[in-house]
Amino acid sequence: MNFLHLFLSLLWILFASLTTAASLPLTSRQTCTYGQYECAPGDVSFWVCAYGGYREVAGSCGEGEHCDDSTGSIVCLP
């Protein structure tokens, strides 16, 4: 029984490590349109809404810059 518990725990850790913030499914309160871009939390990188309701990292701002999507477009500002 201990071996099975250890195996399942390791399997869970492996699964959790493969699920990154960049590919987390949107919650029911969030909506996105396929192809829509948005700034990621922390405002360093930006996401694109991919097929299936998942966000994927589309790019990152340079060192010392932050992402701004307040105008409806993605821009990196100092």
Protein backbone atom coordinates (compact mmCIF):
# COMPACT_ATOMS: atom_id res chain seq x y z
CA MET A 1 0.00 0.00 0.00
CA ASN A 2 2.84 2.43 0.73
CA PHE A 3 4.33 1.88 -2.74
CA LEU A 4 0.99 2.67 -4.38
CA HIS A 5 0.62 5.84 -2.31
CA LEU A 6 4.15 6.93 -3.22
CA PHE A 7 3.56 6.20 -6.91
CA LEU A 8 0.30 8.18 -6.98
CA SER A 9 1.94 11.09 -5.15
CA LEU A 10 4.80 11.20 -7.65
CA LEU A 11 2.33 10.99 -10.52
CA TRP A 12 0.38 13.94 -9.08
CA ILE A 13 3.57 16.01 -8.68
CA LEU A 14 4.52 15.27 -12.29
CA PHE A 15 1.07 16.32 -13.51
CA ALA A 16 1.14 19.51 -11.44
CA SER A 17 4.57 20.46 -12.76
CA LEU A 18 3.39 20.11 -16.37
CA THR A 19 0.48 22.49 -15.79
CA THR A 20 1.97 25.98 -15.91
CA ALA A 21 0.31 29.35 -15.50
CA ALA A 22 0.66 29.86 -19.18
CA SER A 23 -1.69 27.03 -20.02
CA LEU A 24 -4.23 27.07 -17.22
CA PRO A 25 -7.89 26.78 -18.23
CA LEU A 26 -9.97 29.89 -17.70
CA THR A 27 -12.41 29.85 -14.80
CA SER A 28 -16.14 30.14 -15.39
CA ARG A 29 -16.01 33.84 -14.47
CA GLN A 30 -13.35 34.58 -17.07
CA THR A 31 -14.04 34.81 -20.76
CA CYS A 32 -11.73 35.12 -23.69
CA THR A 33 -12.09 35.16 -27.42
CA TYR A 34 -9.87 32.94 -29.54
CA GLY A 35 -6.89 35.01 -30.69
CA GLN A 36 -7.39 37.73 -28.05
CA TYR A 37 -4.24 38.97 -26.29
CA GLU A 38 -4.00 40.08 -22.65
CA CYS A 39 -1.30 40.94 -20.15
CA ALA A 40 -0.38 38.14 -17.77
CA PRO A 41 -0.39 38.67 -13.99
CA GLY A 42 2.78 40.47 -13.01
CA ASP A 43 2.67 42.46 -16.26
CA VAL A 44 5.92 41.04 -17.63
CA SER A 45 4.56 38.71 -20.30
CA PHE A 46 1.39 38.56 -22.37
CA TRP A 47 -0.97 35.74 -23.31
CA VAL A 48 -3.05 34.79 -26.31
CA CYS A 49 -6.37 33.00 -25.92
CA ALA A 50 -5.84 29.67 -27.65
CA TYR A 51 -8.27 27.08 -28.96
CA GLY A 52 -10.09 25.26 -26.17
CA GLY A 53 -10.19 28.14 -23.68
CA TYR A 54 -6.54 28.03 -22.68
CA ARG A 55 -4.11 30.91 -22.37
CA GLU A 56 -0.63 30.49 -23.82
CA VAL A 57 2.35 32.77 -23.40
CA ALA A 58 2.71 34.75 -26.61
CA GLY A 59 5.67 36.89 -25.61
CA SER A 60 7.43 38.84 -22.89
CA CYS A 61 8.41 42.44 -22.42
CA GLY A 62 12.06 43.41 -22.21
CA GLU A 63 14.01 43.96 -19.03
CA GLY A 64 12.68 46.94 -17.11
CA GLU A 65 9.43 47.03 -19.13
CA HIS A 66 5.90 46.04 -18.23
CA CYS A 67 2.89 44.97 -20.27
CA ASP A 68 -0.03 47.38 -20.71
CA ASP A 69 -3.31 46.44 -22.39
CA SER A 70 -5.40 49.41 -21.20
CA THR A 71 -5.83 50.72 -24.76
CA GLY A 72 -7.01 47.36 -26.11
CA SER A 73 -3.63 46.63 -27.66
CA ILE A 74 -0.60 45.00 -26.09
CA VAL A 75 2.32 47.39 -25.59
CA CYS A 76 5.47 47.12 -23.49
CA LEU A 77 6.21 50.31 -21.58
CA PRO A 78 9.28 51.31 -19.53
